[in-house]
N, C-alpha and C. Protein backbone atom coordinates (compact mmCIF):
# COMPACT_ATOMS: atom_id res chain seq x y z
N MET A 1 -4.02 -2.86 6.72
CA MET A 1 -3.16 -2.27 5.53
C MET A 1 -3.56 -2.92 4.78
N GLU A 2 -3.27 -2.04 3.64
CA GLU A 2 -3.98 -2.43 2.12
C GLU A 2 -3.01 -2.71 0.86
N ILE A 3 -2.90 -3.96 0.79
CA ILE A 3 -2.05 -4.51 0.06
C ILE A 3 -2.75 -3.87 -1.91
N ASN A 4 -2.05 -3.18 -2.71
CA ASN A 4 -2.40 -3.02 -4.16
C ASN A 4 -1.96 -4.07 -5.56
N GLN A 5 -2.41 -3.56 -6.34
CA GLN A 5 -1.07 -5.07 -7.43
C GLN A 5 -1.11 -3.05 -8.44
N GLN A 6 0.04 -3.74 -9.22
CA GLN A 6 -0.05 -3.38 -11.14
C GLN A 6 0.35 -4.61 -11.45
N ASP A 7 0.55 -4.64 -12.51
CA ASP A 7 0.75 -5.83 -13.67
C ASP A 7 0.67 -5.50 -14.88
N ASP A 8 1.02 -5.32 -15.88
CA ASP A 8 1.48 -5.07 -16.74
C ASP A 8 1.09 -6.07 -17.51
N GLY A 9 1.14 -6.82 -17.69
CA GLY A 9 1.80 -7.92 -18.04
C GLY A 9 2.73 -9.68 -18.52
N LYS A 10 3.40 -8.02 -18.08
CA LYS A 10 4.71 -8.99 -18.08
C LYS A 10 5.77 -9.34 -17.03
N LYS A 11 5.00 -7.60 -16.23
CA LYS A 11 5.91 -8.10 -14.69
C LYS A 11 4.69 -7.16 -14.10
N GLY A 12 5.08 -7.28 -12.53
CA GLY A 12 3.67 -6.66 -11.58
C GLY A 12 4.57 -6.99 -9.96
N SER A 13 3.73 -5.49 -8.72
CA SER A 13 4.10 -5.71 -8.07
C SER A 13 2.53 -6.37 -6.57
N PHE A 14 3.08 -6.47 -6.19
CA PHE A 14 1.89 -6.57 -5.03
C PHE A 14 2.51 -4.67 -3.65
N TYR A 15 2.39 -4.14 -3.45
CA TYR A 15 3.18 -3.33 -1.86
C TYR A 15 1.95 -2.31 -1.84
N ILE A 16 2.54 -1.71 -0.44
CA ILE A 16 2.04 -1.34 0.38
C ILE A 16 1.98 0.22 0.73
N GLU A 17 1.86 0.93 0.29
CA GLU A 17 1.11 2.20 -0.06
C GLU A 17 1.13 3.22 0.86
N ILE A 18 1.54 4.89 2.02
CA ILE A 18 1.73 5.25 2.89
C ILE A 18 1.80 6.52 2.73
N LEU A 19 0.35 7.03 2.27
CA LEU A 19 0.79 8.83 1.76
C LEU A 19 1.14 9.27 0.98
N GLY A 20 0.54 7.75 -0.07
CA GLY A 20 1.40 7.62 -1.22
C GLY A 20 2.51 7.81 -2.08
N ALA A 21 3.66 6.51 -0.52
CA ALA A 21 4.71 6.05 -1.30
C ALA A 21 4.74 5.14 -1.09
N LYS A 22 5.32 3.91 -2.12
CA LYS A 22 5.39 2.88 -1.74
C LYS A 22 6.51 2.58 -0.30
N VAL A 23 5.79 1.78 0.87
CA VAL A 23 7.09 1.72 1.99
C VAL A 23 7.36 -0.18 2.22
N ALA A 24 6.74 -1.30 1.13
CA ALA A 24 6.30 -2.45 1.12
C ALA A 24 6.53 -2.77 -0.52
N GLU A 25 7.62 -3.35 -0.70
CA GLU A 25 6.85 -4.25 -2.43
C GLU A 25 7.45 -5.25 -2.45
N MET A 26 6.72 -6.17 -2.77
CA MET A 26 6.72 -7.59 -3.40
C MET A 26 6.63 -8.00 -5.23
N THR A 27 7.72 -7.91 -5.92
CA THR A 27 8.53 -7.25 -6.65
C THR A 27 8.27 -9.27 -7.92
N TYR A 28 7.70 -9.38 -9.22
CA TYR A 28 7.10 -10.69 -9.75
C TYR A 28 7.16 -10.64 -11.05
N VAL A 29 7.35 -10.69 -12.52
CA VAL A 29 7.86 -11.37 -13.76
C VAL A 29 7.01 -12.88 -13.70
N TRP A 30 6.14 -12.33 -15.41
CA TRP A 30 5.80 -12.94 -15.08
C TRP A 30 6.98 -14.29 -16.50
N ALA A 31 6.23 -15.60 -16.34
CA ALA A 31 7.25 -16.90 -17.11
C ALA A 31 5.51 -17.28 -18.49
N GLY A 32 5.40 -17.52 -19.15
CA GLY A 32 4.32 -17.05 -19.39
C GLY A 32 2.95 -17.19 -19.41
N THR A 33 1.91 -17.97 -19.22
CA THR A 33 0.46 -17.20 -19.12
C THR A 33 0.22 -17.63 -18.11
N ASP A 34 0.85 -18.90 -16.66
CA ASP A 34 0.71 -19.83 -16.44
C ASP A 34 1.20 -19.55 -15.31
N ARG A 35 2.36 -18.08 -15.06
CA ARG A 35 3.20 -18.88 -13.22
C ARG A 35 3.44 -17.47 -13.49
N ILE A 36 4.25 -16.38 -12.59
CA ILE A 36 4.75 -16.98 -12.15
C ILE A 36 6.10 -16.10 -10.81
N ILE A 37 6.86 -15.69 -11.01
CA ILE A 37 8.09 -15.68 -10.07
C ILE A 37 8.87 -14.09 -9.15
N ILE A 38 7.86 -14.59 -7.92
CA ILE A 38 8.52 -13.83 -7.17
C ILE A 38 9.93 -13.51 -7.32
N ASP A 39 10.64 -12.20 -7.41
CA ASP A 39 12.31 -11.54 -7.14
C ASP A 39 12.46 -11.14 -6.12
N HIS A 40 11.64 -10.64 -5.77
CA HIS A 40 11.77 -9.87 -4.63
C HIS A 40 11.73 -9.76 -3.52
N THR A 41 11.87 -9.37 -2.58
CA THR A 41 9.99 -8.76 -1.12
C THR A 41 11.33 -7.80 -0.53
N GLU A 42 10.82 -6.15 -0.11
CA GLU A 42 11.53 -5.59 0.12
C GLU A 42 10.61 -4.54 1.12
N VAL A 43 10.63 -4.36 2.72
CA VAL A 43 10.33 -3.51 3.29
C VAL A 43 11.02 -2.11 4.48
N ASN A 44 10.04 -1.41 3.72
CA ASN A 44 10.64 -0.09 4.75
C ASN A 44 10.62 -0.23 5.89
N ASP A 45 11.58 0.49 6.32
CA ASP A 45 11.05 0.39 7.95
C ASP A 45 10.23 0.88 8.66
N VAL A 46 10.02 1.10 8.01
CA VAL A 46 8.50 1.98 9.17
C VAL A 46 7.18 1.01 9.61
N LEU A 47 7.92 -0.60 8.52
CA LEU A 47 6.64 -2.02 8.34
C LEU A 47 6.92 -2.87 9.62
N LYS A 48 8.77 -2.70 8.89
CA LYS A 48 9.48 -3.52 10.17
C LYS A 48 8.36 -4.52 11.28
N GLY A 49 8.64 -5.66 10.56
CA GLY A 49 7.96 -6.29 12.24
C GLY A 49 6.28 -6.15 12.11
N LYS A 50 5.82 -5.80 10.98
CA LYS A 50 4.19 -5.70 11.20
C LYS A 50 3.71 -6.21 10.08
N GLY A 51 3.64 -7.63 9.42
CA GLY A 51 3.65 -8.92 8.50
C GLY A 51 3.44 -8.48 7.81
N ALA A 52 4.79 -7.04 6.57
CA ALA A 52 3.75 -6.53 5.66
C ALA A 52 4.33 -7.84 4.64
N GLY A 53 5.53 -8.24 4.91
CA GLY A 53 5.98 -9.59 4.15
C GLY A 53 4.73 -10.99 2.94
N LYS A 54 4.71 -10.99 4.67
CA LYS A 54 3.89 -11.45 4.84
C LYS A 54 1.97 -11.57 4.19
N GLN A 55 1.43 -10.55 4.60
CA GLN A 55 0.62 -10.69 4.00
C GLN A 55 0.99 -9.77 2.48
N MET A 56 1.73 -9.97 1.93
CA MET A 56 1.90 -9.02 0.32
C MET A 56 1.97 -10.63 0.28
N LEU A 57 2.57 -10.93 0.31
CA LEU A 57 2.51 -12.85 -0.19
C LEU A 57 1.29 -13.20 0.06
N ALA A 58 0.54 -13.46 1.55
CA ALA A 58 -0.50 -13.77 1.00
C ALA A 58 -1.46 -13.47 -0.16
N ARG A 59 -1.20 -12.15 -0.67
CA ARG A 59 -1.89 -12.19 -1.23
C ARG A 59 -1.69 -12.56 -2.58
N ALA A 60 -0.41 -12.47 -3.43
CA ALA A 60 0.52 -13.56 -4.31
C ALA A 60 -0.03 -14.07 -4.23
N VAL A 61 -0.82 -14.42 -3.28
CA VAL A 61 -1.11 -16.58 -3.54
C VAL A 61 -2.10 -16.21 -3.66
N GLU A 62 -2.82 -15.58 -3.19
CA GLU A 62 -4.54 -15.56 -3.33
C GLU A 62 -4.85 -15.42 -5.16
N PHE A 63 -4.14 -14.84 -5.13
CA PHE A 63 -3.71 -14.42 -6.73
C PHE A 63 -4.08 -15.32 -7.51
N ALA A 64 -3.06 -15.42 -7.00
CA ALA A 64 -2.77 -16.59 -8.15
C ALA A 64 -3.62 -17.65 -7.81
N ARG A 65 -4.17 -18.28 -6.65
CA ARG A 65 -5.47 -19.16 -7.23
C ARG A 65 -7.15 -18.75 -8.15
N GLU A 66 -6.25 -16.76 -7.57
CA GLU A 66 -8.18 -16.21 -8.35
C GLU A 66 -7.86 -17.09 -9.82
N LYS A 67 -6.38 -17.40 -10.61
CA LYS A 67 -5.59 -16.11 -11.92
C LYS A 67 -5.93 -18.70 -12.04
N HIS A 68 -5.36 -19.23 -12.10
CA HIS A 68 -5.07 -20.98 -11.31
C HIS A 68 -3.21 -20.60 -12.12
N ILE A 69 -2.76 -19.73 -11.88
CA ILE A 69 -1.55 -20.23 -12.33
C ILE A 69 -0.36 -19.99 -10.60
N LYS A 70 0.31 -20.83 -11.81
CA LYS A 70 1.18 -21.30 -9.84
C LYS A 70 2.60 -20.06 -9.83
N ILE A 71 3.78 -20.64 -8.72
CA ILE A 71 4.40 -19.61 -8.36
C ILE A 71 5.48 -20.36 -8.60
N ILE A 72 5.91 -19.57 -8.53
CA ILE A 72 8.57 -19.57 -8.94
C ILE A 72 8.60 -19.20 -6.79
N PRO A 73 8.87 -19.57 -6.71
CA PRO A 73 9.46 -17.82 -5.27
C PRO A 73 10.83 -18.16 -5.31
N LEU A 74 10.97 -17.08 -5.56
CA LEU A 74 13.55 -17.12 -5.77
C LEU A 74 13.66 -16.20 -5.15
N CYS A 75 12.37 -15.37 -4.22
CA CYS A 75 13.17 -14.99 -3.35
C CYS A 75 13.22 -15.02 -2.58
N PRO A 76 14.39 -14.80 -1.50
CA PRO A 76 14.38 -16.17 -0.17
C PRO A 76 13.72 -15.40 0.32
N PHE A 77 12.73 -14.16 1.63
CA PHE A 77 11.86 -14.37 1.96
C PHE A 77 10.75 -14.95 1.48
N ALA A 78 10.04 -15.10 0.11
CA ALA A 78 8.86 -15.61 0.16
C ALA A 78 9.14 -16.73 -0.06
N LYS A 79 10.25 -18.19 -0.34
CA LYS A 79 10.95 -18.75 -0.21
C LYS A 79 10.87 -19.39 0.66
N SER A 80 11.06 -18.58 2.16
CA SER A 80 11.02 -19.06 3.36
C SER A 80 10.40 -19.45 4.06
N VAL A 81 8.26 -18.66 3.56
CA VAL A 81 7.49 -18.24 4.04
C VAL A 81 7.45 -19.52 3.21
N PHE A 82 6.46 -19.81 1.83
CA PHE A 82 6.61 -21.22 1.44
C PHE A 82 6.99 -22.79 1.92
N ASP A 83 8.30 -22.80 2.92
CA ASP A 83 8.97 -23.62 3.06
C ASP A 83 7.98 -23.74 4.38
N LYS A 84 7.64 -22.81 4.95
CA LYS A 84 6.85 -22.38 6.50
C LYS A 84 5.66 -22.40 6.81
N VAL A 85 4.85 -22.40 5.84
CA VAL A 85 3.43 -22.40 6.13
C VAL A 85 3.19 -24.01 4.63
N GLU A 86 2.81 -25.31 5.00
CA GLU A 86 1.85 -26.06 3.54
C GLU A 86 0.43 -25.29 3.06
N SER A 87 -0.40 -24.13 3.53
CA SER A 87 -1.19 -24.34 3.33
C SER A 87 -1.69 -23.11 1.47
N TYR A 88 0.68 -22.52 1.34
CA TYR A 88 0.30 -21.66 0.53
C TYR A 88 0.83 -23.22 -0.14
N ARG A 89 1.37 -24.46 -0.78
CA ARG A 89 2.00 -25.23 -2.01
C ARG A 89 1.49 -25.01 -2.27
N ASP A 90 -0.07 -25.42 -2.19
CA ASP A 90 -0.52 -25.84 -4.11
C ASP A 90 -1.04 -24.90 -4.76
N VAL A 91 0.06 -23.76 -5.16
CA VAL A 91 0.53 -23.00 -5.52
C VAL A 91 2.11 -22.87 -6.15
N LEU A 92 2.23 -23.51 -6.01
CA LEU A 92 4.06 -23.64 -6.73
C LEU A 92 3.88 -24.84 -6.98
């Protein structure tokens, strides 16, 4: 699965497309210049159970590390993964 990203400087998302249609998306908003707030994750039934949400969050963590920023996980899914995966906590 290829994780794509779009970002306009105020908000953005990590997403997966199949045949040009978004089938999974994790949205975020910028909180200043050094933090993003993950506010929503949605995965279409076609990808349910295939780890799409976890893969998008892994890409968000990678992005945060590259940019030296922090993540605030307001989305219940993202928060639950951060609670379980200790190796991601450096970006909290």
